Structure formats: C-alpha cells, structure tokens
Amino acid sequence: MRTRLQLVVTLIAVALLGSACFSPPGGEPALSGAAPQQDAGPPQPGGIFRYALPSDARSLDPHAQSSFNTHVAVGATYSKLVDYKTGPDIPYGSSELEGDLAESWETSEDGRTWTFQLREGVRFHDVAPVNGREFTADDVLCTMQRIRELPGHQLNLISMVEEITAPDPYTVEFRLSEPYAEFDTNLANHFMWILPCEATRGEFDVSTQAIGTGPFVLETWERDRERVLTAHPNYYEEGKPYLDGMHVSIVPDQAAAIAALRTGQIDFLSALSTDKAQVERLLAENPGLFLREEQGLTQVRIYMNQEAEPFDDPRVRRAVALAIDREGMMSAIRSGGSLTGPVTPTLFGGLPAERSAELQPYDPERAKQLLAEAGFPDGFSVRMILTDGYGETVVREAQWAQQDLAKVGIQVELDVQDYATYFTESWAKQNYQLGFGLQTPMLSADEFLSTEWASDGARNWYGINDPELDRMITEQRGMLDEAAREQALLDIQRYIVENVSNPVPLYVYDSQTLTAPHVHGAYPHPEYGQRDMRNVWLGPEAPGRE
C-alpha cells in the first residue's frame, strides 16, 4: 500500500526534472518500495547540500521577473516580513504564518491599518556595498516604493495599500484603502522579498547580484552552469543554518541528472518527469533512496490569446476546454492528481474537483458544435507554444492535448521553446495564439484571480477584459465574512469556466521526489522561498563530510 504524505498541497519541486519550483523533501515515512527515513538524532552542522535544476534564471531581480527560476535563485538569500510556518508538526502547505523580518504584527479593528514590529539586530550579508549593516524599517519603505515604481506581480499584492509609514526604525505601518483580511498572507508571498535600500537606489546590479538577510549568501552565479551559496554567519537565528552552503547545478539532461543522484554528486532528485516503472527501477538499483509523494498545487494548463483570432470568440475557447480529456491525460502521464478549477481545490475558496469536472466535462461532440457555431465547421490550424524547460513530462502532456484537439478539428503545431524565450518573450508579451504549460503555485484565491483574470492583472497575459468579472473580483476582496467570501469565490470561478474559458486549468498533479538517505530536517512549503533550508542538515555519511 502507498502511504500518502501530508495531503494538503504539492511539494512543487522543479529541482531536476521540471515543475515550477524547488523545495527538498523532509523526513516523513517513505512510500512503498523506498527506504524509510530514519530518526538521525540532533542536527549536525556542516556539509554542502547539492541539487540541480533543469533551467536557470535570466535575471535575479525579483521585481522585474515573476519566473520561478528567478525566485528560487534568490529564495534563500532574501527574507520577507512574514513567512509560512514549517516543521515536523506543521501540515505540509499550512497557511499558518510566523514572523520573519517582523517579530510581530497586528491589525486595527476596521481591518485597514496593519502594524509590523521588526526584529532588532538583523544583519544584511557582509557584501559591498551593503557591508553587513543592520536591517531597518527604511529597507521596507525602499522595497515597497520600488515595487510601486516597477509594476509587476508584486504590485497586485499591495494594490490596496494607500500609505506606508515608519514611526521608528523598527515599526512599519500599512494603511489600506479598504479592509483586507489576507494582507499578512500577501506579505508572506514568495514574491515579497525585502531588498536593502542600496539595491533600490541602484548601488549594485540587482539583476546579477542578490544581497539580503536570508540564511545563505550568494557567492557566485555562472548563468546556465552553477550557483554557489554559503551560510550567512550573522543570520538572526543563532546556530542556523546548519549547512555550510548549497551548490546548485543546471542540468537540463534527465539521464545526467539521474546519474548524478546515483553516484552521490547530488542529494535530491524530482521524479516528475520519470514514469512509475523508471522510479521503481531507481529504487531497486539504489535501495537507500527515500521516496515521497505529495498532492498537487501546480496547475497544468492550456491557454489562449483572446486578442488573436479565433480565440477572441468565447465559443472557440469553450470548445478547446471541452475537447481535452483531463482525467485521461492525468491518469496516463502523472502518478496522480486532482482536477482543478481556476483556484486550486486545496486553497480556501477553491472549486472542488468534482464541481470542476461537472462544469468542464470532456465533451468533444459539444466542442465540435461550438466550433461550427463560431464558423469553423471543419476546424482550423494553430501553433501552440510550450517549453522543454519544465522537463519532458510537460511536453508529453502538450502532445496529448494536441491529439485531443485534432479529434475536434483543431490541428495544432507544437512550438517547443527554451524557457527564457517561452516565459519572457512569448507568454508574458502575448506573442502567441495558443499555449500550454504550468502555472505558478499561487497561495491564495485572490492572488489567482486578481493577477490573472482581472483586466489590469499583472499576469493577465491572455487579453481578458471582462467588466463583470472585474467587479466580482474587486468585491470579494473586501468581504470579511468568511462564508460569504467563500461563496463569492466559487461564483467567480463558475463564471470564469462558463463565460471566459481562459486560461483552461486541467489538473494539479502529485509530485514524486527521491532523496539521498543522509539528508534530514527539511520541511518545505509550496512557495518559492527556501527559508526552510536553514533547518536542513546532512548526516555524517554524506559525501564530502569530514
């Protein structure tokens, strides 16, 4: 029997073979066929944690780039005001928050003023020009001002903020235009890194260098080859991180990545792009490996540019949605998962999987009817963009979609692009007609809706402009009654599926990961940060340990 681990949301580990971010696995009971993770006693300091990624960041600027590659690259270097709590007694993917740079915080009775008390004595990395100085409220003000000046994904997360003040060096107050119950959750988002004022003033190049207060210091970065990080000796948690450092290699080739795990060159492997039989072979050949599987949060999607014909017609978009056999694709290609609506089912306000199946069934005959009504009785031809930067599994899923669409008359040519071109030039700039890929594991319903489906959303890369949908999204943000807001979120998603049909969420998939037996103490969260790596340690049998 297979033990399901921490059934909340997916690990979302892109580490080697392609998902949407990296988080190494923790010490939970192994799945069938894998070695159990043993209690290794108290943490032992020292050692280098080694892992690999299939593609690299184009830039380290977290305000200019929303790519997972960028935020994974800086996720152990920068810090946030608040973060998600993790640990052996915290369910995986829990929404429980704890202070990071903020020691405590409170909100006013009207829900419009949020006050954060900052930790004293927090030091930046001792790298010029910041030179290890103390972090203060000025750095928060500088960061928020930069976010406002460089509108990107982060701007949606603070769009309700009217004024930010710092009454003293260790206090920051946010005044909101309206009540917003999840404001602290927004600040815990994996895009809300706090930069030093030196970065915001241009005193160093944020696109190639990261200087923060996080548990690890970025020593070197050779794009498309390697990142080397060392422990921050003045990290605010005494005695942490346990590791001496982390080495990240860029290994696009799956066979090379597997070989690296087998020979002890890396400590972690995401099995997302391997089939079940291959995973079993790896375990049989390497009996010490630890395997775990977790429920999904990263969405597999097909999406359309509504500003390009024929996808400006909602009947065509609805036809595409009905033409895809989501259940068949997931069962054939992934190790498991769940159908999803616009908001992942495990989040508050997420559309339940069974309701998603009812609203978006597999109905190729109805798809053909809609195409005929739209003036395409014989279908049409179109090019679909995708990237191999997520690994070969996503390419196989795109091929499945290609075959399903052909059955209703839509002939698709696959345009496989490198990750940087796909994400930056094609998708984000709407240089496409049809696209296929993964979406960021967003951490709240409002983040999904306000960034992608609102007409002014920072990641509305689809040309969606629906005044009624805008009204619904704006209205739910100010609802403090939990039951009323949950119903509003469900109504919004039903409206999206039935009237917008874009982007089309297919499913969230379960992830499998393989870890060397000497890795201990990792309890990640499905966000791009790597603050949890401060708790990871290596056993004495780890390669390179003295």
Protein backbone atom coordinates (compact mmCIF):
# COMPACT_ATOMS: atom_id res chain seq x y z
CA MET A 1 0.00 0.00 0.00
CA ARG A 2 1.14 3.51 -0.71
CA THR A 3 1.26 6.00 2.13
CA ARG A 4 0.05 9.45 1.11
CA LEU A 5 2.21 12.07 2.80
CA GLN A 6 0.86 15.35 4.13
CA LEU A 7 -2.21 15.54 1.92
CA VAL A 8 -2.59 19.27 1.64
CA VAL A 9 -0.76 20.55 -1.42
CA THR A 10 2.10 19.53 -3.66
CA LEU A 11 5.81 19.71 -2.94
CA ILE A 12 6.12 21.59 -6.22
CA ALA A 13 9.74 20.66 -6.64
CA VAL A 14 11.19 21.54 -10.01
CA ALA A 15 14.64 20.62 -8.83
CA LEU A 16 15.76 18.44 -11.69
CA LEU A 17 13.08 17.31 -13.97
CA GLY A 18 10.67 20.11 -14.33
CA SER A 19 7.89 21.57 -12.29
CA ALA A 20 7.52 25.10 -11.00
CA CYS A 21 9.89 25.48 -8.07
CA PHE A 22 12.32 23.71 -5.76
CA SER A 23 11.87 22.50 -2.21
CA PRO A 24 13.73 19.44 -0.94
CA PRO A 25 11.74 16.77 0.89
CA GLY A 26 11.58 16.22 4.61
CA GLY A 27 11.87 13.27 6.95
CA GLU A 28 8.50 11.54 6.68
CA PRO A 29 7.66 7.84 6.27
CA ALA A 30 8.68 6.59 2.84
CA LEU A 31 6.34 5.33 0.16
CA SER A 32 6.18 1.67 -0.80
CA GLY A 33 9.45 0.42 -2.23
CA ALA A 34 11.64 3.14 -0.74
CA ALA A 35 13.92 3.14 2.24
CA PRO A 36 12.32 4.64 5.36
CA GLN A 37 13.81 7.87 6.62
CA GLN A 38 15.39 7.09 9.99
CA ASP A 39 15.50 9.28 13.09
CA ALA A 40 19.03 10.62 12.87
CA GLY A 41 19.16 12.36 16.24
CA PRO A 42 20.04 16.02 16.84
CA PRO A 43 21.08 18.20 13.86
CA GLN A 44 24.76 18.21 12.95
CA PRO A 45 26.30 21.34 11.43
CA GLY A 46 28.41 21.34 8.28
CA GLY A 47 28.36 19.96 4.77
CA ILE A 48 27.22 21.17 1.35
CA PHE A 49 23.75 20.39 0.05
CA ARG A 50 23.88 19.75 -3.70
CA TYR A 51 20.98 19.72 -6.13
CA ALA A 52 20.27 20.51 -9.74
CA LEU A 53 17.73 22.38 -11.84
CA PRO A 54 16.77 21.86 -15.50
CA SER A 55 16.98 25.58 -16.37
CA ASP A 56 18.34 28.82 -14.93
CA ALA A 57 17.15 32.34 -14.21
CA ARG A 58 17.61 35.07 -16.80
CA SER A 59 17.80 37.69 -14.05
CA LEU A 60 17.98 37.76 -10.25
CA ASP A 61 15.80 40.88 -10.00
CA PRO A 62 12.72 39.67 -8.07
CA HIS A 63 10.67 42.74 -9.01
CA ALA A 64 11.38 42.58 -12.72
CA GLN A 65 10.89 38.82 -13.04
CA SER A 66 7.99 36.62 -11.91
CA SER A 67 9.67 33.46 -13.22
CA PHE A 68 10.08 30.64 -10.70
CA ASN A 69 13.72 30.36 -11.79
CA THR A 70 14.43 33.86 -10.50
CA HIS A 71 12.63 33.46 -7.19
CA VAL A 72 14.10 30.05 -6.47
CA ALA A 73 17.52 31.52 -7.17
CA VAL A 74 17.11 34.26 -4.54
CA GLY A 75 14.78 32.42 -2.16
CA ALA A 76 17.48 31.51 0.37
CA THR A 77 19.20 34.91 0.09
CA TYR A 78 16.39 37.40 0.72
CA SER A 79 13.82 37.46 3.54
CA LYS A 80 10.20 38.62 3.89
CA LEU A 81 8.35 40.41 6.68
CA VAL A 82 6.36 37.27 7.44
CA ASP A 83 6.59 33.72 6.19
CA TYR A 84 4.77 30.40 6.27
CA LYS A 85 5.45 28.25 9.29
CA THR A 86 7.01 24.85 8.60
CA GLY A 87 8.26 21.99 10.74
CA PRO A 88 7.69 18.37 11.74
CA ASP A 89 4.41 19.20 13.50
CA ILE A 90 3.07 21.57 10.80
CA PRO A 91 0.95 20.06 7.99
CA TYR A 92 2.59 20.47 4.61
CA GLY A 93 1.24 23.57 2.88
CA SER A 94 -0.24 25.03 6.04
CA SER A 95 -1.39 28.66 5.82
CA GLU A 96 -0.15 29.36 9.36
CA LEU A 97 2.18 32.37 9.40
CA GLU A 98 5.16 33.33 11.55
CA GLY A 99 7.43 36.32 11.69
CA ASP A 100 10.50 36.52 9.51
CA LEU A 101 11.89 40.05 9.49
CA ALA A 102 8.84 41.11 11.50
CA GLU A 103 8.73 39.84 15.07
CA SER A 104 5.00 40.52 15.49
CA TRP A 105 2.12 42.32 13.80
CA GLU A 106 -1.45 43.41 14.41
CA THR A 107 -4.37 44.92 12.55
CA SER A 108 -6.82 47.62 13.57
CA GLU A 109 -10.48 46.84 14.28
CA ASP A 110 -11.57 48.21 10.92
CA GLY A 111 -9.04 45.98 9.14
CA ARG A 112 -7.39 48.92 7.37
CA THR A 113 -4.22 49.53 9.39
CA TRP A 114 -1.58 46.82 9.74
CA THR A 115 1.37 47.44 12.08
CA PHE A 116 4.55 45.33 11.94
CA GLN A 117 7.18 45.32 14.68
CA LEU A 118 10.56 44.46 13.15
CA ARG A 119 13.32 42.34 14.67
CA GLU A 120 16.22 44.32 16.03
CA GLY A 121 19.79 43.37 15.23
CA VAL A 122 19.08 41.64 11.89
CA ARG A 123 22.15 41.97 9.65
CA PHE A 124 22.46 42.02 5.89
CA HIS A 125 25.11 39.88 4.20
CA ASP A 126 28.60 41.31 4.53
CA VAL A 127 28.91 42.08 0.83
CA ALA A 128 29.67 45.52 -0.65
CA PRO A 129 28.04 47.97 -0.82
CA VAL A 130 25.68 46.87 1.98
CA ASN A 131 28.56 45.53 4.10
CA GLY A 132 26.58 43.71 6.77
CA ARG A 133 24.72 46.73 8.13
CA GLU A 134 21.57 46.41 10.24
CA PHE A 135 18.18 45.97 8.57
CA THR A 136 15.65 48.70 9.49
CA ALA A 137 12.21 49.98 8.52
CA ASP A 138 13.81 52.14 5.81
CA ASP A 139 14.58 48.99 3.84
CA VAL A 140 10.89 48.06 3.89
CA LEU A 141 9.94 51.53 2.67
CA CYS A 142 12.56 51.41 -0.09
CA THR A 143 11.37 47.99 -1.23
CA MET A 144 7.70 48.94 -1.31
CA GLN A 145 8.48 52.11 -3.25
CA ARG A 146 10.44 50.10 -5.83
CA ILE A 147 7.51 47.71 -6.20
CA ARG A 148 5.25 50.67 -6.95
CA GLU A 149 7.70 52.10 -9.47
CA LEU A 150 8.31 48.79 -11.29
CA PRO A 151 4.78 47.42 -11.67
CA GLY A 152 4.87 43.66 -11.73
CA HIS A 153 3.35 40.70 -10.00
CA GLN A 154 4.07 42.24 -6.57
CA LEU A 155 2.02 45.35 -7.29
CA ASN A 156 -1.20 43.34 -7.14
CA LEU A 157 -0.23 42.14 -3.68
CA ILE A 158 -0.03 45.68 -2.28
CA SER A 159 -2.50 47.40 -4.61
CA MET A 160 -4.85 48.06 -1.67
CA VAL A 161 -2.15 50.00 0.24
CA GLU A 162 -2.73 53.77 0.41
CA GLU A 163 0.18 54.75 2.63
CA ILE A 164 3.26 53.17 4.23
CA THR A 165 4.99 54.86 7.15
CA ALA A 166 7.79 54.06 9.60
CA PRO A 167 7.15 55.68 13.02
CA ASP A 168 10.57 54.43 14.17
CA PRO A 169 13.39 52.22 12.79
CA TYR A 170 11.66 49.04 13.93
CA THR A 171 8.00 49.74 13.10
CA VAL A 172 6.19 49.79 9.75
CA GLU A 173 2.52 50.70 9.26
CA PHE A 174 0.45 49.94 6.17
CA ARG A 175 -2.77 51.91 5.68
CA LEU A 176 -5.20 50.18 3.31
CA SER A 177 -7.91 51.72 1.16
CA GLU A 178 -10.34 49.03 2.33
CA PRO A 179 -10.40 46.15 4.79
CA TYR A 180 -8.43 43.16 3.58
CA ALA A 181 -8.26 40.13 5.84
CA GLU A 182 -5.41 38.40 3.97
CA PHE A 183 -2.92 41.26 3.83
CA ASP A 184 -0.39 39.44 6.01
CA THR A 185 -0.72 36.42 3.72
CA ASN A 186 0.12 38.68 0.78
CA LEU A 187 3.31 39.79 2.53
CA ALA A 188 4.29 36.14 3.04
CA ASN A 189 4.01 35.56 -0.69
CA HIS A 190 7.06 34.23 -2.50
CA PHE A 191 7.42 37.49 -4.45
CA MET A 192 7.58 39.85 -1.45
CA TRP A 193 11.31 39.80 -0.75
CA ILE A 194 12.71 42.76 1.19
CA LEU A 195 15.71 44.38 -0.52
CA PRO A 196 18.27 46.73 1.03
CA CYS A 197 17.92 50.41 0.12
CA GLU A 198 21.26 50.13 -1.69
CA ALA A 199 19.59 47.79 -4.19
CA THR A 200 16.63 50.08 -4.79
CA ARG A 201 18.98 53.06 -5.31
CA GLY A 202 20.93 51.15 -7.96
CA GLU A 203 24.14 50.89 -5.96
CA PHE A 204 24.54 47.30 -7.16
CA ASP A 205 23.07 45.38 -10.08
CA VAL A 206 20.04 43.51 -8.74
CA SER A 207 19.79 41.51 -11.96
CA THR A 208 23.13 39.77 -11.32
CA GLN A 209 23.65 40.05 -7.55
CA ALA A 210 21.46 39.34 -4.51
CA ILE A 211 22.34 40.79 -1.09
CA GLY A 212 19.78 40.09 1.60
CA THR A 213 19.25 38.97 5.17
CA GLY A 214 18.41 35.34 4.40
CA PRO A 215 20.17 32.23 5.73
CA PHE A 216 22.51 31.89 2.74
CA VAL A 217 24.84 34.29 0.91
CA LEU A 218 25.06 34.14 -2.88
CA GLU A 219 28.79 33.87 -3.53
CA THR A 220 28.89 33.20 -7.27
CA TRP A 221 26.47 32.76 -10.14
CA GLU A 222 27.52 31.42 -13.53
CA ARG A 223 24.36 31.56 -15.60
CA ASP A 224 23.25 28.21 -17.04
CA ARG A 225 26.02 26.47 -15.12
CA GLU A 226 26.15 26.89 -11.33
CA ARG A 227 25.17 28.90 -8.24
CA VAL A 228 27.26 28.69 -5.06
CA LEU A 229 25.81 29.82 -1.73
CA THR A 230 27.45 29.87 1.70
CA ALA A 231 25.94 30.09 5.18
CA HIS A 232 25.15 33.59 6.48
CA PRO A 233 27.33 33.76 9.63
CA ASN A 234 25.18 36.54 11.17
CA TYR A 235 21.76 35.07 10.44
CA TYR A 236 19.26 36.17 13.08
CA GLU A 237 18.50 32.59 14.22
CA GLU A 238 21.51 31.60 16.30
CA GLY A 239 23.14 28.35 15.20
CA LYS A 240 21.44 28.32 11.82
CA PRO A 241 21.72 27.45 9.03
CA TYR A 242 23.24 24.07 9.79
CA LEU A 243 24.66 23.65 6.29
CA ASP A 244 27.94 25.24 5.26
CA GLY A 245 26.37 26.00 1.91
CA MET A 246 24.42 24.93 -1.16
CA HIS A 247 25.67 24.20 -4.67
CA VAL A 248 23.11 24.38 -7.47
CA SER A 249 23.96 22.91 -10.87
CA ILE A 250 22.00 23.47 -14.09
CA VAL A 251 21.46 20.03 -15.63
CA PRO A 252 18.91 20.04 -18.48
CA ASP A 253 19.55 16.39 -19.39
CA GLN A 254 17.41 13.94 -17.42
CA ALA A 255 19.79 10.99 -17.82
CA ALA A 256 22.69 13.07 -16.49
CA ALA A 257 20.62 14.14 -13.50
CA ILE A 258 19.71 10.57 -12.62
CA ALA A 259 23.34 9.53 -12.96
CA ALA A 260 24.36 12.36 -10.62
CA LEU A 261 21.96 11.10 -7.95
CA ARG A 262 23.14 7.52 -8.33
CA THR A 263 26.80 8.47 -7.94
CA GLY A 264 26.24 10.78 -4.97
CA GLN A 265 27.04 14.01 -6.84
CA ILE A 266 23.67 15.47 -5.83
CA ASP A 267 21.41 14.87 -2.84
CA PHE A 268 17.96 15.36 -4.35
CA LEU A 269 16.01 14.42 -7.48
CA SER A 270 12.49 15.29 -8.51
CA ALA A 271 10.95 12.32 -10.26
CA LEU A 272 8.30 14.40 -12.01
CA SER A 273 9.49 13.55 -15.50
CA THR A 274 10.00 9.84 -14.93
CA ASP A 275 7.28 7.25 -15.22
CA LYS A 276 6.33 4.88 -12.43
CA ALA A 277 8.36 2.00 -13.84
CA GLN A 278 11.51 4.11 -14.01
CA VAL A 279 11.05 5.24 -10.41
CA GLU A 280 10.73 1.63 -9.30
CA ARG A 281 13.91 0.73 -11.18
CA LEU A 282 15.77 3.58 -9.48
CA LEU A 283 14.64 2.35 -6.08
CA ALA A 284 15.57 -1.24 -6.85
CA GLU A 285 19.03 -0.21 -8.02
CA ASN A 286 19.55 2.28 -5.18
CA PRO A 287 17.84 0.80 -2.09
CA GLY A 288 18.97 3.64 0.19
CA LEU A 289 16.93 6.29 -1.60
CA PHE A 290 13.97 7.91 0.11
CA LEU A 291 10.82 8.43 -1.99
CA ARG A 292 7.84 10.56 -1.16
CA GLU A 293 4.75 11.77 -2.97
CA GLU A 294 2.55 14.75 -2.25
CA GLN A 295 -0.70 16.14 -3.58
CA GLY A 296 -0.55 18.87 -6.16
CA LEU A 297 -0.80 22.64 -6.28
CA THR A 298 0.94 23.45 -9.57
CA GLN A 299 -1.65 23.69 -12.36
CA VAL A 300 -1.22 22.18 -15.82
CA ARG A 301 -2.99 24.49 -18.27
CA ILE A 302 -3.85 25.26 -21.84
CA TYR A 303 -4.39 28.94 -22.55
CA MET A 304 -5.34 31.29 -25.37
CA ASN A 305 -4.64 34.84 -26.52
CA GLN A 306 -8.07 36.48 -26.65
CA GLU A 307 -6.69 39.33 -28.70
CA ALA A 308 -5.84 36.94 -31.55
CA GLU A 309 -8.31 35.22 -33.84
CA PRO A 310 -10.03 32.83 -33.49
CA PHE A 311 -9.69 32.89 -29.69
CA ASP A 312 -11.44 36.23 -29.44
CA ASP A 313 -14.64 34.15 -29.74
CA PRO A 314 -15.71 32.63 -26.39
CA ARG A 315 -17.29 29.69 -28.22
CA VAL A 316 -13.89 28.70 -29.59
CA ARG A 317 -12.31 28.95 -26.14
CA ARG A 318 -15.08 26.86 -24.63
CA ALA A 319 -14.62 24.29 -27.40
CA VAL A 320 -10.92 23.98 -26.53
CA ALA A 321 -11.80 23.45 -22.86
CA LEU A 322 -14.33 20.71 -23.65
CA ALA A 323 -12.01 18.94 -26.11
CA ILE A 324 -9.35 17.99 -23.54
CA ASP A 325 -9.67 14.66 -21.73
CA ARG A 326 -8.23 15.94 -18.47
CA GLU A 327 -8.85 12.78 -16.47
CA GLY A 328 -7.32 10.57 -19.15
CA MET A 329 -4.23 12.77 -19.51
CA MET A 330 -3.62 12.89 -15.77
CA SER A 331 -4.08 9.14 -15.30
CA ALA A 332 -1.85 8.22 -18.22
CA ILE A 333 1.03 10.63 -17.63
CA ARG A 334 1.13 11.65 -13.95
CA SER A 335 1.43 9.49 -10.85
CA GLY A 336 -1.78 11.05 -9.51
CA GLY A 337 -3.51 14.37 -9.02
CA SER A 338 -6.82 16.20 -8.95
CA LEU A 339 -8.94 18.08 -11.47
CA THR A 340 -8.97 21.79 -10.76
CA GLY A 341 -10.84 24.97 -11.49
CA PRO A 342 -9.26 28.45 -11.70
CA VAL A 343 -8.32 28.26 -7.99
CA THR A 344 -6.59 25.12 -6.77
CA PRO A 345 -9.05 22.93 -4.78
CA THR A 346 -6.90 22.80 -1.62
CA LEU A 347 -6.94 26.59 -1.14
CA PHE A 348 -9.71 28.49 0.64
CA GLY A 349 -12.43 29.19 -1.93
CA GLY A 350 -11.06 26.63 -4.39
CA LEU A 351 -13.57 24.91 -6.62
CA PRO A 352 -13.94 21.26 -5.51
CA ALA A 353 -12.60 18.76 -8.05
CA GLU A 354 -16.00 17.14 -8.58
CA ARG A 355 -17.61 20.51 -9.29
CA SER A 356 -14.81 21.34 -11.73
CA ALA A 357 -15.49 18.06 -13.54
CA GLU A 358 -19.19 18.97 -13.84
CA LEU A 359 -18.53 22.46 -15.16
CA GLN A 360 -15.81 21.41 -17.60
CA PRO A 361 -16.53 17.85 -18.76
CA TYR A 362 -14.77 16.02 -21.58
CA ASP A 363 -17.31 16.55 -24.37
CA PRO A 364 -15.76 16.50 -27.87
CA GLU A 365 -19.15 16.44 -29.59
CA ARG A 366 -20.23 19.65 -27.88
CA ALA A 367 -16.81 21.11 -28.76
CA LYS A 368 -17.44 20.39 -32.46
CA GLN A 369 -20.87 22.05 -32.23
CA LEU A 370 -19.40 25.18 -30.70
CA LEU A 371 -16.71 25.36 -33.38
CA ALA A 372 -19.37 25.07 -36.08
CA GLU A 373 -21.43 27.82 -34.44
CA ALA A 374 -18.32 30.01 -34.39
CA GLY A 375 -17.82 29.50 -38.15
CA PHE A 376 -15.29 26.66 -38.05
CA PRO A 377 -17.24 23.51 -39.01
CA ASP A 378 -14.03 21.98 -40.36
CA GLY A 379 -11.85 23.30 -37.56
CA PHE A 380 -8.66 25.33 -38.07
CA SER A 381 -4.88 25.17 -37.70
CA VAL A 382 -2.87 26.89 -35.00
CA ARG A 383 0.61 26.91 -33.44
CA MET A 384 0.90 26.18 -29.70
CA ILE A 385 3.86 27.42 -27.65
CA LEU A 386 5.39 25.36 -24.84
CA THR A 387 8.80 24.88 -23.25
CA ASP A 388 11.00 21.90 -22.50
CA GLY A 389 12.36 23.87 -19.54
CA TYR A 390 9.84 22.13 -17.28
CA GLY A 391 11.05 18.68 -18.35
CA GLU A 392 9.78 16.09 -20.77
CA THR A 393 6.54 15.31 -18.89
CA VAL A 394 5.02 18.68 -19.83
CA VAL A 395 5.96 18.08 -23.48
CA ARG A 396 4.13 14.73 -23.35
CA GLU A 397 1.07 16.47 -21.87
CA ALA A 398 1.13 19.04 -24.67
CA GLN A 399 1.27 16.20 -27.20
CA TRP A 400 -1.78 14.64 -25.53
CA ALA A 401 -3.65 17.95 -25.85
CA GLN A 402 -2.55 18.19 -29.47
CA GLN A 403 -4.14 14.80 -30.19
CA ASP A 404 -7.37 15.65 -28.35
CA LEU A 405 -7.74 18.93 -30.23
CA ALA A 406 -7.17 17.15 -33.55
CA LYS A 407 -10.21 14.97 -32.81
CA VAL A 408 -12.46 18.05 -32.90
CA GLY A 409 -10.79 19.55 -35.98
CA ILE A 410 -8.16 21.83 -34.40
CA GLN A 411 -4.80 20.98 -35.98
CA VAL A 412 -2.00 22.04 -33.63
CA GLU A 413 1.66 22.55 -34.47
CA LEU A 414 3.86 22.42 -31.37
CA ASP A 415 6.38 25.23 -30.97
CA VAL A 416 8.84 23.98 -28.31
CA GLN A 417 10.89 26.92 -26.99
CA ASP A 418 13.65 27.33 -24.44
CA TYR A 419 12.35 28.51 -21.08
CA ALA A 420 13.59 32.10 -21.30
CA THR A 421 12.02 32.68 -24.72
CA TYR A 422 8.78 30.96 -23.76
CA PHE A 423 8.29 32.77 -20.47
CA THR A 424 9.66 36.23 -21.26
CA GLU A 425 9.15 36.82 -24.97
CA SER A 426 6.19 34.64 -25.92
CA TRP A 427 3.83 34.13 -22.98
CA ALA A 428 4.36 37.34 -20.99
CA LYS A 429 4.28 39.53 -24.11
CA GLN A 430 1.28 37.71 -25.65
CA ASN A 431 3.29 36.69 -28.71
CA TYR A 432 1.22 33.54 -29.23
CA GLN A 433 -2.20 32.25 -30.18
CA LEU A 434 -2.35 29.07 -28.10
CA GLY A 435 -0.10 27.95 -25.26
CA PHE A 436 0.50 25.02 -22.90
CA GLY A 437 2.41 24.84 -19.64
CA LEU A 438 2.49 25.12 -15.87
CA GLN A 439 1.33 27.99 -13.70
CA THR A 440 2.90 29.41 -10.58
CA PRO A 441 1.61 27.76 -7.39
CA MET A 442 -0.23 30.82 -6.12
CA LEU A 443 -1.02 30.77 -2.43
CA SER A 444 -4.48 32.32 -2.18
CA ALA A 445 -7.65 32.53 -4.23
CA ASP A 446 -7.37 36.29 -4.56
CA GLU A 447 -3.82 36.03 -5.87
CA PHE A 448 -5.01 33.73 -8.65
CA LEU A 449 -7.98 35.93 -9.55
CA SER A 450 -6.56 39.44 -9.20
CA THR A 451 -3.29 38.73 -11.02
CA GLU A 452 -4.60 36.62 -13.91
CA TRP A 453 -8.30 37.26 -14.51
CA ALA A 454 -8.65 40.93 -13.57
CA SER A 455 -8.33 43.14 -16.66
CA ASP A 456 -5.40 45.01 -15.06
CA GLY A 457 -3.81 41.89 -13.51
CA ALA A 458 -0.01 41.73 -13.55
CA ARG A 459 -0.14 38.25 -15.10
CA ASN A 460 -3.15 38.69 -17.32
CA TRP A 461 -1.20 37.54 -20.35
CA TYR A 462 -4.36 36.37 -22.11
CA GLY A 463 -6.13 39.60 -23.07
CA ILE A 464 -9.01 39.07 -20.61
CA ASN A 465 -11.14 42.21 -20.25
CA ASP A 466 -14.49 41.45 -18.62
CA PRO A 467 -16.06 44.31 -16.59
CA GLU A 468 -18.45 41.99 -14.76
CA LEU A 469 -15.60 39.70 -13.76
CA ASP A 470 -13.57 42.72 -12.61
CA ARG A 471 -16.48 43.81 -10.42
CA MET A 472 -16.81 40.35 -8.85
CA ILE A 473 -13.08 40.07 -8.13
CA THR A 474 -12.90 43.53 -6.56
CA GLU A 475 -15.99 42.96 -4.44
CA GLN A 476 -14.76 39.73 -2.82
CA ARG A 477 -11.52 41.34 -1.65
CA GLY A 478 -13.30 43.50 0.92
CA MET A 479 -15.51 40.73 2.34
CA LEU A 480 -14.68 39.96 5.97
CA ASP A 481 -17.46 37.37 6.41
CA GLU A 482 -15.71 34.09 5.63
CA ALA A 483 -18.78 32.15 4.44
CA ALA A 484 -19.95 34.96 2.17
CA ARG A 485 -16.49 35.38 0.67
CA GLU A 486 -16.10 31.66 0.04
CA GLN A 487 -19.39 31.60 -1.86
CA ALA A 488 -18.32 34.66 -3.84
CA LEU A 489 -15.07 32.92 -4.82
CA LEU A 490 -16.98 29.84 -6.00
CA ASP A 491 -19.37 32.02 -8.03
CA ILE A 492 -16.44 33.81 -9.67
CA GLN A 493 -14.87 30.53 -10.75
CA ARG A 494 -18.13 29.25 -12.18
CA TYR A 495 -18.42 32.49 -14.15
CA ILE A 496 -14.85 32.08 -15.45
CA VAL A 497 -15.35 28.48 -16.58
CA GLU A 498 -18.68 29.15 -18.27
CA ASN A 499 -18.13 32.63 -19.74
CA VAL A 500 -14.39 33.24 -20.09
CA SER A 501 -12.97 29.73 -20.60
CA ASN A 502 -9.42 31.00 -20.45
CA PRO A 503 -6.91 30.02 -19.25
CA VAL A 504 -8.18 26.44 -19.01
CA PRO A 505 -6.90 24.68 -15.83
CA LEU A 506 -6.58 20.97 -16.48
CA TYR A 507 -5.39 19.49 -13.18
CA VAL A 508 -2.89 19.70 -10.34
CA TYR A 509 -0.53 16.73 -10.24
CA ASP A 510 1.08 14.72 -7.46
CA SER A 511 4.84 15.01 -7.25
CA GLN A 512 7.44 12.36 -6.52
CA THR A 513 10.87 13.10 -5.11
CA LEU A 514 13.92 10.98 -4.40
CA THR A 515 16.37 11.97 -1.68
CA ALA A 516 19.70 10.64 -0.51
CA PRO A 517 19.42 8.99 2.93
CA HIS A 518 21.82 11.45 4.59
CA VAL A 519 19.50 14.49 4.11
CA HIS A 520 17.50 15.41 7.24
CA GLY A 521 15.31 18.13 8.67
CA ALA A 522 13.67 19.61 5.56
CA TYR A 523 10.03 20.58 5.95
CA PRO A 524 9.26 22.74 2.91
CA HIS A 525 6.28 24.83 1.91
CA PRO A 526 4.83 25.21 -1.60
CA GLU A 527 6.21 28.69 -2.08
CA TYR A 528 9.35 29.64 -3.93
CA GLY A 529 11.38 30.72 -0.91
CA GLN A 530 13.99 28.46 0.65
CA ARG A 531 13.98 29.80 4.20
CA ASP A 532 13.19 26.23 5.29
CA MET A 533 16.70 25.27 4.16
CA ARG A 534 18.00 26.87 7.37
CA ASN A 535 16.78 23.71 9.14
CA VAL A 536 18.27 21.15 6.72
CA TRP A 537 21.30 19.16 7.82
CA LEU A 538 23.39 16.29 6.49
CA GLY A 539 24.26 13.07 8.28
CA PRO A 540 27.89 12.01 8.81
CA GLU A 541 27.68 9.61 5.86
CA ALA A 542 27.10 12.45 3.38
CA PRO A 543 29.76 12.68 0.65
CA GLY A 544 32.40 15.29 1.47
CA ARG A 545 31.71 15.33 5.22
CA GLU A 546 34.83 15.16 7.34
